[in-house]
PDB file of all heavy atoms in Angstrom:
ATOM      1  N   PRO A   1      28.850  13.102  -8.880  1.00  0.00           N
ATOM      2  CA  PRO A   1      28.427  14.507  -8.869  1.00  0.00           C
ATOM      3  C   PRO A   1      26.942  14.675  -8.626  1.00  0.00           C
ATOM      4  O   PRO A   1      26.498  15.767  -8.257  1.00  0.00           O
ATOM      5  CB  PRO A   1      28.823  14.992 -10.272  1.00  0.00           C
ATOM      6  CG  PRO A   1      28.903  13.759 -11.098  1.00  0.00           C
ATOM      7  CD  PRO A   1      29.367  12.676 -10.178  1.00  0.00           C
ATOM      8  N   ASN A   2      26.155  13.630  -8.829  1.00  0.00           N
ATOM      9  CA  ASN A   2      24.713  13.739  -8.626  1.00  0.00           C
ATOM     10  C   ASN A   2      24.287  13.435  -7.200  1.00  0.00           C
ATOM     11  O   ASN A   2      23.113  13.602  -6.864  1.00  0.00           O
ATOM     12  CB  ASN A   2      23.982  12.783  -9.582  1.00  0.00           C
ATOM     13  CG  ASN A   2      24.230  13.145 -11.036  1.00  0.00           C
ATOM     14  OD1 ASN A   2      24.250  14.311 -11.382  1.00  0.00           O
ATOM     15  ND2 ASN A   2      24.443  12.148 -11.873  1.00  0.00           N
ATOM     16  N   GLU A   3      25.218  12.969  -6.364  1.00  0.00           N
ATOM     17  CA  GLU A   3      24.850  12.613  -4.999  1.00  0.00           C
ATOM     18  C   GLU A   3      24.871  13.845  -4.115  1.00  0.00           C
ATOM     19  O   GLU A   3      25.826  14.629  -4.141  1.00  0.00           O
ATOM     20  CB  GLU A   3      25.807  11.561  -4.450  1.00  0.00           C
ATOM     21  CG  GLU A   3      25.409  11.075  -3.079  1.00  0.00           C
ATOM     22  CD  GLU A   3      26.206   9.860  -2.644  1.00  0.00           C
ATOM     23  OE1 GLU A   3      27.027   9.390  -3.451  1.00  0.00           O
ATOM     24  OE2 GLU A   3      26.014   9.405  -1.515  1.00  0.00           O
ATOM     25  N   PRO A   4      23.831  14.063  -3.315  1.00  0.00           N
ATOM     26  CA  PRO A   4      23.786  15.251  -2.456  1.00  0.00           C
ATOM     27  C   PRO A   4      24.802  15.178  -1.329  1.00  0.00           C
ATOM     28  O   PRO A   4      25.210  14.102  -0.912  1.00  0.00           O
ATOM     29  CB  PRO A   4      22.349  15.231  -1.907  1.00  0.00           C
ATOM     30  CG  PRO A   4      21.941  13.793  -1.972  1.00  0.00           C
ATOM     31  CD  PRO A   4      22.618  13.230  -3.188  1.00  0.00           C
ATOM     32  N   THR A   5      25.225  16.332  -0.844  1.00  0.00           N
ATOM     33  CA  THR A   5      26.170  16.415   0.262  1.00  0.00           C
ATOM     34  C   THR A   5      25.455  16.926   1.507  1.00  0.00           C
ATOM     35  O   THR A   5      24.433  17.606   1.417  1.00  0.00           O
ATOM     36  CB  THR A   5      27.341  17.342  -0.087  1.00  0.00           C
ATOM     37  OG1 THR A   5      26.831  18.637  -0.450  1.00  0.00           O
ATOM     38  CG2 THR A   5      28.142  16.784  -1.261  1.00  0.00           C
ATOM     39  N   TYR A   6      26.027  16.601   2.663  1.00  0.00           N
ATOM     40  CA  TYR A   6      25.419  16.960   3.935  1.00  0.00           C
ATOM     41  C   TYR A   6      26.492  17.444   4.893  1.00  0.00           C
ATOM     42  O   TYR A   6      27.658  17.539   4.537  1.00  0.00           O
ATOM     43  CB  TYR A   6      24.697  15.744   4.548  1.00  0.00           C
ATOM     44  CG  TYR A   6      23.678  15.094   3.650  1.00  0.00           C
ATOM     45  CD1 TYR A   6      24.038  14.034   2.822  1.00  0.00           C
ATOM     46  CD2 TYR A   6      22.360  15.533   3.611  1.00  0.00           C
ATOM     47  CE1 TYR A   6      23.110  13.435   1.985  1.00  0.00           C
ATOM     48  CE2 TYR A   6      21.425  14.944   2.790  1.00  0.00           C
ATOM     49  CZ  TYR A   6      21.798  13.893   1.978  1.00  0.00           C
ATOM     50  OH  TYR A   6      20.877  13.300   1.161  1.00  0.00           O
ATOM     51  N   CYS A   7      26.074  17.745   6.124  1.00  0.00           N
ATOM     52  CA  CYS A   7      26.967  17.985   7.246  1.00  0.00           C
ATOM     53  C   CYS A   7      27.785  19.271   7.075  1.00  0.00           C
ATOM     54  O   CYS A   7      27.739  19.945   6.037  1.00  0.00           O
ATOM     55  CB  CYS A   7      27.895  16.775   7.450  1.00  0.00           C
ATOM     56  SG  CYS A   7      28.759  16.816   9.046  1.00  0.00           S
ATOM     57  N   LEU A   8      28.531  19.606   8.114  1.00  0.00           N
ATOM     58  CA  LEU A   8      29.401  20.779   8.081  1.00  0.00           C
ATOM     59  C   LEU A   8      30.596  20.569   7.164  1.00  0.00           C
ATOM     60  O   LEU A   8      31.207  21.525   6.704  1.00  0.00           O
ATOM     61  CB  LEU A   8      29.898  21.080   9.507  1.00  0.00           C
ATOM     62  CG  LEU A   8      28.809  21.357  10.559  1.00  0.00           C
ATOM     63  CD1 LEU A   8      29.424  21.431  11.948  1.00  0.00           C
ATOM     64  CD2 LEU A   8      28.050  22.638  10.245  1.00  0.00           C
ATOM     65  N   CYS A   9      30.921  19.284   6.892  1.00  0.00           N
ATOM     66  CA  CYS A   9      32.072  18.974   6.037  1.00  0.00           C
ATOM     67  C   CYS A   9      31.715  18.960   4.560  1.00  0.00           C
ATOM     68  O   CYS A   9      32.586  18.780   3.713  1.00  0.00           O
ATOM     69  CB  CYS A   9      32.674  17.626   6.443  1.00  0.00           C
ATOM     70  SG  CYS A   9      31.531  16.233   6.238  1.00  0.00           S
ATOM     71  N   HIS A  10      30.436  19.096   4.243  1.00  0.00           N
ATOM     72  CA  HIS A  10      29.966  19.097   2.849  1.00  0.00           C
ATOM     73  C   HIS A  10      30.376  17.831   2.096  1.00  0.00           C
ATOM     74  O   HIS A  10      30.836  17.884   0.953  1.00  0.00           O
ATOM     75  CB  HIS A  10      30.490  20.327   2.098  1.00  0.00           C
ATOM     76  CG  HIS A  10      30.099  21.629   2.733  1.00  0.00           C
ATOM     77  ND1 HIS A  10      28.801  22.074   2.773  1.00  0.00           N
ATOM     78  CD2 HIS A  10      30.848  22.556   3.385  1.00  0.00           C
ATOM     79  CE1 HIS A  10      28.761  23.242   3.398  1.00  0.00           C
ATOM     80  NE2 HIS A  10      29.986  23.550   3.799  1.00  0.00           N
ATOM     81  N   GLN A  11      30.233  16.675   2.769  1.00  0.00           N
ATOM     82  CA  GLN A  11      30.540  15.396   2.149  1.00  0.00           C
ATOM     83  C   GLN A  11      29.257  14.594   1.973  1.00  0.00           C
ATOM     84  O   GLN A  11      28.209  14.945   2.504  1.00  0.00           O
ATOM     85  CB  GLN A  11      31.533  14.604   3.011  1.00  0.00           C
ATOM     86  CG  GLN A  11      32.895  15.274   3.146  1.00  0.00           C
ATOM     87  CD  GLN A  11      33.661  15.339   1.849  1.00  0.00           C
ATOM     88  OE1 GLN A  11      33.567  14.434   1.030  1.00  0.00           O
ATOM     89  NE2 GLN A  11      34.409  16.415   1.645  1.00  0.00           N
ATOM     90  N   VAL A  12      29.374  13.494   1.204  1.00  0.00           N
ATOM     91  CA  VAL A  12      28.214  12.632   0.982  1.00  0.00           C
ATOM     92  C   VAL A  12      27.892  11.866   2.259  1.00  0.00           C
ATOM     93  O   VAL A  12      28.671  11.857   3.208  1.00  0.00           O
ATOM     94  CB  VAL A  12      28.476  11.644  -0.175  1.00  0.00           C
ATOM     95  CG1 VAL A  12      28.699  12.391  -1.471  1.00  0.00           C
ATOM     96  CG2 VAL A  12      29.668  10.749   0.133  1.00  0.00           C
ATOM     97  N   SER A  13      26.733  11.245   2.300  1.00  0.00           N
ATOM     98  CA  SER A  13      26.332  10.504   3.491  1.00  0.00           C
ATOM     99  C   SER A  13      27.148   9.228   3.625  1.00  0.00           C
ATOM    100  O   SER A  13      27.386   8.519   2.654  1.00  0.00           O
ATOM    101  CB  SER A  13      24.842  10.163   3.412  1.00  0.00           C
ATOM    102  OG  SER A  13      24.588   9.314   2.313  1.00  0.00           O
ATOM    103  N   TYR A  14      27.595   8.929   4.848  1.00  0.00           N
ATOM    104  CA  TYR A  14      28.293   7.682   5.144  1.00  0.00           C
ATOM    105  C   TYR A  14      28.250   7.469   6.651  1.00  0.00           C
ATOM    106  O   TYR A  14      28.105   8.403   7.430  1.00  0.00           O
ATOM    107  CB  TYR A  14      29.756   7.729   4.673  1.00  0.00           C
ATOM    108  CG  TYR A  14      30.595   8.786   5.322  1.00  0.00           C
ATOM    109  CD1 TYR A  14      31.233   8.557   6.547  1.00  0.00           C
ATOM    110  CD2 TYR A  14      30.753  10.031   4.730  1.00  0.00           C
ATOM    111  CE1 TYR A  14      31.997   9.522   7.150  1.00  0.00           C
ATOM    112  CE2 TYR A  14      31.514  11.015   5.330  1.00  0.00           C
ATOM    113  CZ  TYR A  14      32.138  10.748   6.538  1.00  0.00           C
ATOM    114  OH  TYR A  14      32.896  11.721   7.143  1.00  0.00           O
ATOM    115  N   GLY A  15      28.344   6.225   7.075  1.00  0.00           N
ATOM    116  CA  GLY A  15      28.350   5.896   8.484  1.00  0.00           C
ATOM    117  C   GLY A  15      27.065   6.324   9.187  1.00  0.00           C
ATOM    118  O   GLY A  15      26.003   6.446   8.571  1.00  0.00           O
ATOM    119  N   GLU A  16      27.173   6.582  10.494  1.00  0.00           N
ATOM    120  CA  GLU A  16      26.011   6.992  11.279  1.00  0.00           C
ATOM    121  C   GLU A  16      25.822   8.500  11.167  1.00  0.00           C
ATOM    122  O   GLU A  16      26.776   9.263  11.244  1.00  0.00           O
ATOM    123  CB  GLU A  16      26.195   6.587  12.739  1.00  0.00           C
ATOM    124  CG  GLU A  16      26.122   5.092  12.984  1.00  0.00           C
ATOM    125  CD  GLU A  16      26.126   4.768  14.461  1.00  0.00           C
ATOM    126  OE1 GLU A  16      27.199   4.820  15.056  1.00  0.00           O
ATOM    127  OE2 GLU A  16      25.046   4.476  15.004  1.00  0.00           O
ATOM    128  N   MET A  17      24.585   8.917  10.982  1.00  0.00           N
ATOM    129  CA  MET A  17      24.262  10.329  10.838  1.00  0.00           C
ATOM    130  C   MET A  17      23.086  10.666  11.740  1.00  0.00           C
ATOM    131  O   MET A  17      22.304   9.804  12.129  1.00  0.00           O
ATOM    132  CB  MET A  17      23.944  10.667   9.382  1.00  0.00           C
ATOM    133  CG  MET A  17      25.078  10.364   8.420  1.00  0.00           C
ATOM    134  SD  MET A  17      24.763  10.920   6.742  1.00  0.00           S
ATOM    135  CE  MET A  17      24.849  12.699   6.937  1.00  0.00           C
ATOM    136  N   ILE A  18      22.955  11.945  12.057  1.00  0.00           N
ATOM    137  CA  ILE A  18      21.874  12.419  12.913  1.00  0.00           C
ATOM    138  C   ILE A  18      21.235  13.633  12.264  1.00  0.00           C
ATOM    139  O   ILE A  18      21.915  14.442  11.633  1.00  0.00           O
ATOM    140  CB  ILE A  18      22.393  12.769  14.330  1.00  0.00           C
ATOM    141  CG1 ILE A  18      21.230  13.137  15.249  1.00  0.00           C
ATOM    142  CG2 ILE A  18      23.415  13.892  14.277  1.00  0.00           C
ATOM    143  CD1 ILE A  18      21.633  13.255  16.705  1.00  0.00           C
ATOM    144  N   GLY A  19      19.904  13.731  12.400  1.00  0.00           N
ATOM    145  CA  GLY A  19      19.171  14.833  11.795  1.00  0.00           C
ATOM    146  C   GLY A  19      18.895  15.929  12.805  1.00  0.00           C
ATOM    147  O   GLY A  19      18.576  15.673  13.962  1.00  0.00           O
ATOM    148  N   CYS A  20      19.028  17.176  12.355  1.00  0.00           N
ATOM    149  CA  CYS A  20      18.737  18.325  13.209  1.00  0.00           C
ATOM    150  C   CYS A  20      17.220  18.460  13.351  1.00  0.00           C
ATOM    151  O   CYS A  20      16.471  18.336  12.370  1.00  0.00           O
ATOM    152  CB  CYS A  20      19.341  19.590  12.611  1.00  0.00           C
ATOM    153  SG  CYS A  20      19.035  21.080  13.587  1.00  0.00           S
ATOM    154  N   ASP A  21      16.756  18.720  14.581  1.00  0.00           N
ATOM    155  CA  ASP A  21      15.324  18.823  14.841  1.00  0.00           C
ATOM    156  C   ASP A  21      14.749  20.190  14.487  1.00  0.00           C
ATOM    157  O   ASP A  21      13.555  20.428  14.698  1.00  0.00           O
ATOM    158  CB  ASP A  21      15.035  18.510  16.313  1.00  0.00           C
ATOM    159  CG  ASP A  21      15.120  17.013  16.604  1.00  0.00           C
ATOM    160  OD1 ASP A  21      14.492  16.242  15.859  1.00  0.00           O
ATOM    161  OD2 ASP A  21      15.813  16.620  17.553  1.00  0.00           O
ATOM    162  N   ASN A  22      15.586  21.078  13.985  1.00  0.00           N
ATOM    163  CA  ASN A  22      15.070  22.358  13.492  1.00  0.00           C
ATOM    164  C   ASN A  22      14.521  22.150  12.078  1.00  0.00           C
ATOM    165  O   ASN A  22      15.278  21.805  11.164  1.00  0.00           O
ATOM    166  CB  ASN A  22      16.195  23.395  13.473  1.00  0.00           C
ATOM    167  CG  ASN A  22      15.720  24.747  12.947  1.00  0.00           C
ATOM    168  OD1 ASN A  22      14.516  24.974  12.792  1.00  0.00           O
ATOM    169  ND2 ASN A  22      16.665  25.632  12.669  1.00  0.00           N
ATOM    170  N   PRO A  23      13.224  22.320  11.862  1.00  0.00           N
ATOM    171  CA  PRO A  23      12.663  22.069  10.526  1.00  0.00           C
ATOM    172  C   PRO A  23      13.197  23.007   9.450  1.00  0.00           C
ATOM    173  O   PRO A  23      13.128  22.690   8.268  1.00  0.00           O
ATOM    174  CB  PRO A  23      11.150  22.274  10.730  1.00  0.00           C
ATOM    175  CG  PRO A  23      11.035  23.130  11.955  1.00  0.00           C
ATOM    176  CD  PRO A  23      12.199  22.765  12.825  1.00  0.00           C
ATOM    177  N   ASP A  24      13.768  24.147   9.858  1.00  0.00           N
ATOM    178  CA  ASP A  24      14.308  25.111   8.895  1.00  0.00           C
ATOM    179  C   ASP A  24      15.820  25.000   8.738  1.00  0.00           C
ATOM    180  O   ASP A  24      16.449  25.884   8.147  1.00  0.00           O
ATOM    181  CB  ASP A  24      13.949  26.548   9.334  1.00  0.00           C
ATOM    182  CG  ASP A  24      12.440  26.771   9.380  1.00  0.00           C
ATOM    183  OD1 ASP A  24      11.743  26.209   8.513  1.00  0.00           O
ATOM    184  OD2 ASP A  24      11.974  27.502  10.270  1.00  0.00           O
ATOM    185  N   CYS A  25      16.422  23.945   9.277  1.00  0.00           N
ATOM    186  CA  CYS A  25      17.879  23.776   9.182  1.00  0.00           C
ATOM    187  C   CYS A  25      18.274  23.599   7.718  1.00  0.00           C
ATOM    188  O   CYS A  25      17.731  22.737   7.016  1.00  0.00           O
ATOM    189  CB  CYS A  25      18.323  22.554   9.996  1.00  0.00           C
ATOM    190  SG  CYS A  25      20.116  22.267   9.921  1.00  0.00           S
ATOM    191  N   PRO A  26      19.226  24.388   7.212  1.00  0.00           N
ATOM    192  CA  PRO A  26      19.608  24.280   5.801  1.00  0.00           C
ATOM    193  C   PRO A  26      20.392  23.025   5.468  1.00  0.00           C
ATOM    194  O   PRO A  26      20.479  22.620   4.311  1.00  0.00           O
ATOM    195  CB  PRO A  26      20.462  25.537   5.573  1.00  0.00           C
ATOM    196  CG  PRO A  26      21.014  25.870   6.921  1.00  0.00           C
ATOM    197  CD  PRO A  26      19.969  25.457   7.912  1.00  0.00           C
ATOM    198  N   ILE A  27      20.986  22.393   6.476  1.00  0.00           N
ATOM    199  CA  ILE A  27      21.827  21.212   6.230  1.00  0.00           C
ATOM    200  C   ILE A  27      21.076  19.919   6.534  1.00  0.00           C
ATOM    201  O   ILE A  27      21.160  18.949   5.809  1.00  0.00           O
ATOM    202  CB  ILE A  27      23.122  21.297   7.073  1.00  0.00           C
ATOM    203  CG1 ILE A  27      23.890  22.580   6.723  1.00  0.00           C
ATOM    204  CG2 ILE A  27      24.008  20.080   6.819  1.00  0.00           C
ATOM    205  CD1 ILE A  27      25.144  22.789   7.541  1.00  0.00           C
ATOM    206  N   GLU A  28      20.378  19.868   7.647  1.00  0.00           N
ATOM    207  CA  GLU A  28      19.504  18.770   8.080  1.00  0.00           C
ATOM    208  C   GLU A  28      20.258  17.580   8.662  1.00  0.00           C
ATOM    209  O   GLU A  28      19.998  17.144   9.765  1.00  0.00           O
ATOM    210  CB  GLU A  28      18.592  18.291   6.939  1.00  0.00           C
ATOM    211  CG  GLU A  28      17.598  19.339   6.477  1.00  0.00           C
ATOM    212  CD  GLU A  28      16.662  18.812   5.406  1.00  0.00           C
ATOM    213  OE1 GLU A  28      16.883  17.681   4.935  1.00  0.00           O
ATOM    214  OE2 GLU A  28      15.730  19.533   5.050  1.00  0.00           O
ATOM    215  N   TRP A  29      21.218  16.992   7.935  1.00  0.00           N
ATOM    216  CA  TRP A  29      21.861  15.752   8.378  1.00  0.00           C
ATOM    217  C   TRP A  29      23.349  15.975   8.613  1.00  0.00           C
ATOM    218  O   TRP A  29      24.014  16.690   7.864  1.00  0.00           O
ATOM    219  CB  TRP A  29      21.659  14.638   7.349  1.00  0.00           C
ATOM    220  CG  TRP A  29      20.232  14.175   7.299  1.00  0.00           C
ATOM    221  CD1 TRP A  29      19.277  14.585   6.430  1.00  0.00           C
ATOM    222  CD2 TRP A  29      19.604  13.238   8.174  1.00  0.00           C
ATOM    223  NE1 TRP A  29      18.078  13.964   6.701  1.00  0.00           N
ATOM    224  CE2 TRP A  29      18.249  13.125   7.770  1.00  0.00           C
ATOM    225  CE3 TRP A  29      20.042  12.475   9.252  1.00  0.00           C
ATOM    226  CZ2 TRP A  29      17.346  12.285   8.404  1.00  0.00           C
ATOM    227  CZ3 TRP A  29      19.139  11.638   9.892  1.00  0.00           C
ATOM    228  CH2 TRP A  29      17.809  11.552   9.462  1.00  0.00           C
TER     229      TRP A  29
END
């Protein structure tokens, strides 16, 4: 429960990920 979630799927980080180049992106990864 303490691990942050990312992406459109709202899951934890795993595998290969890419960061959005918009500095104001609410999701980022």
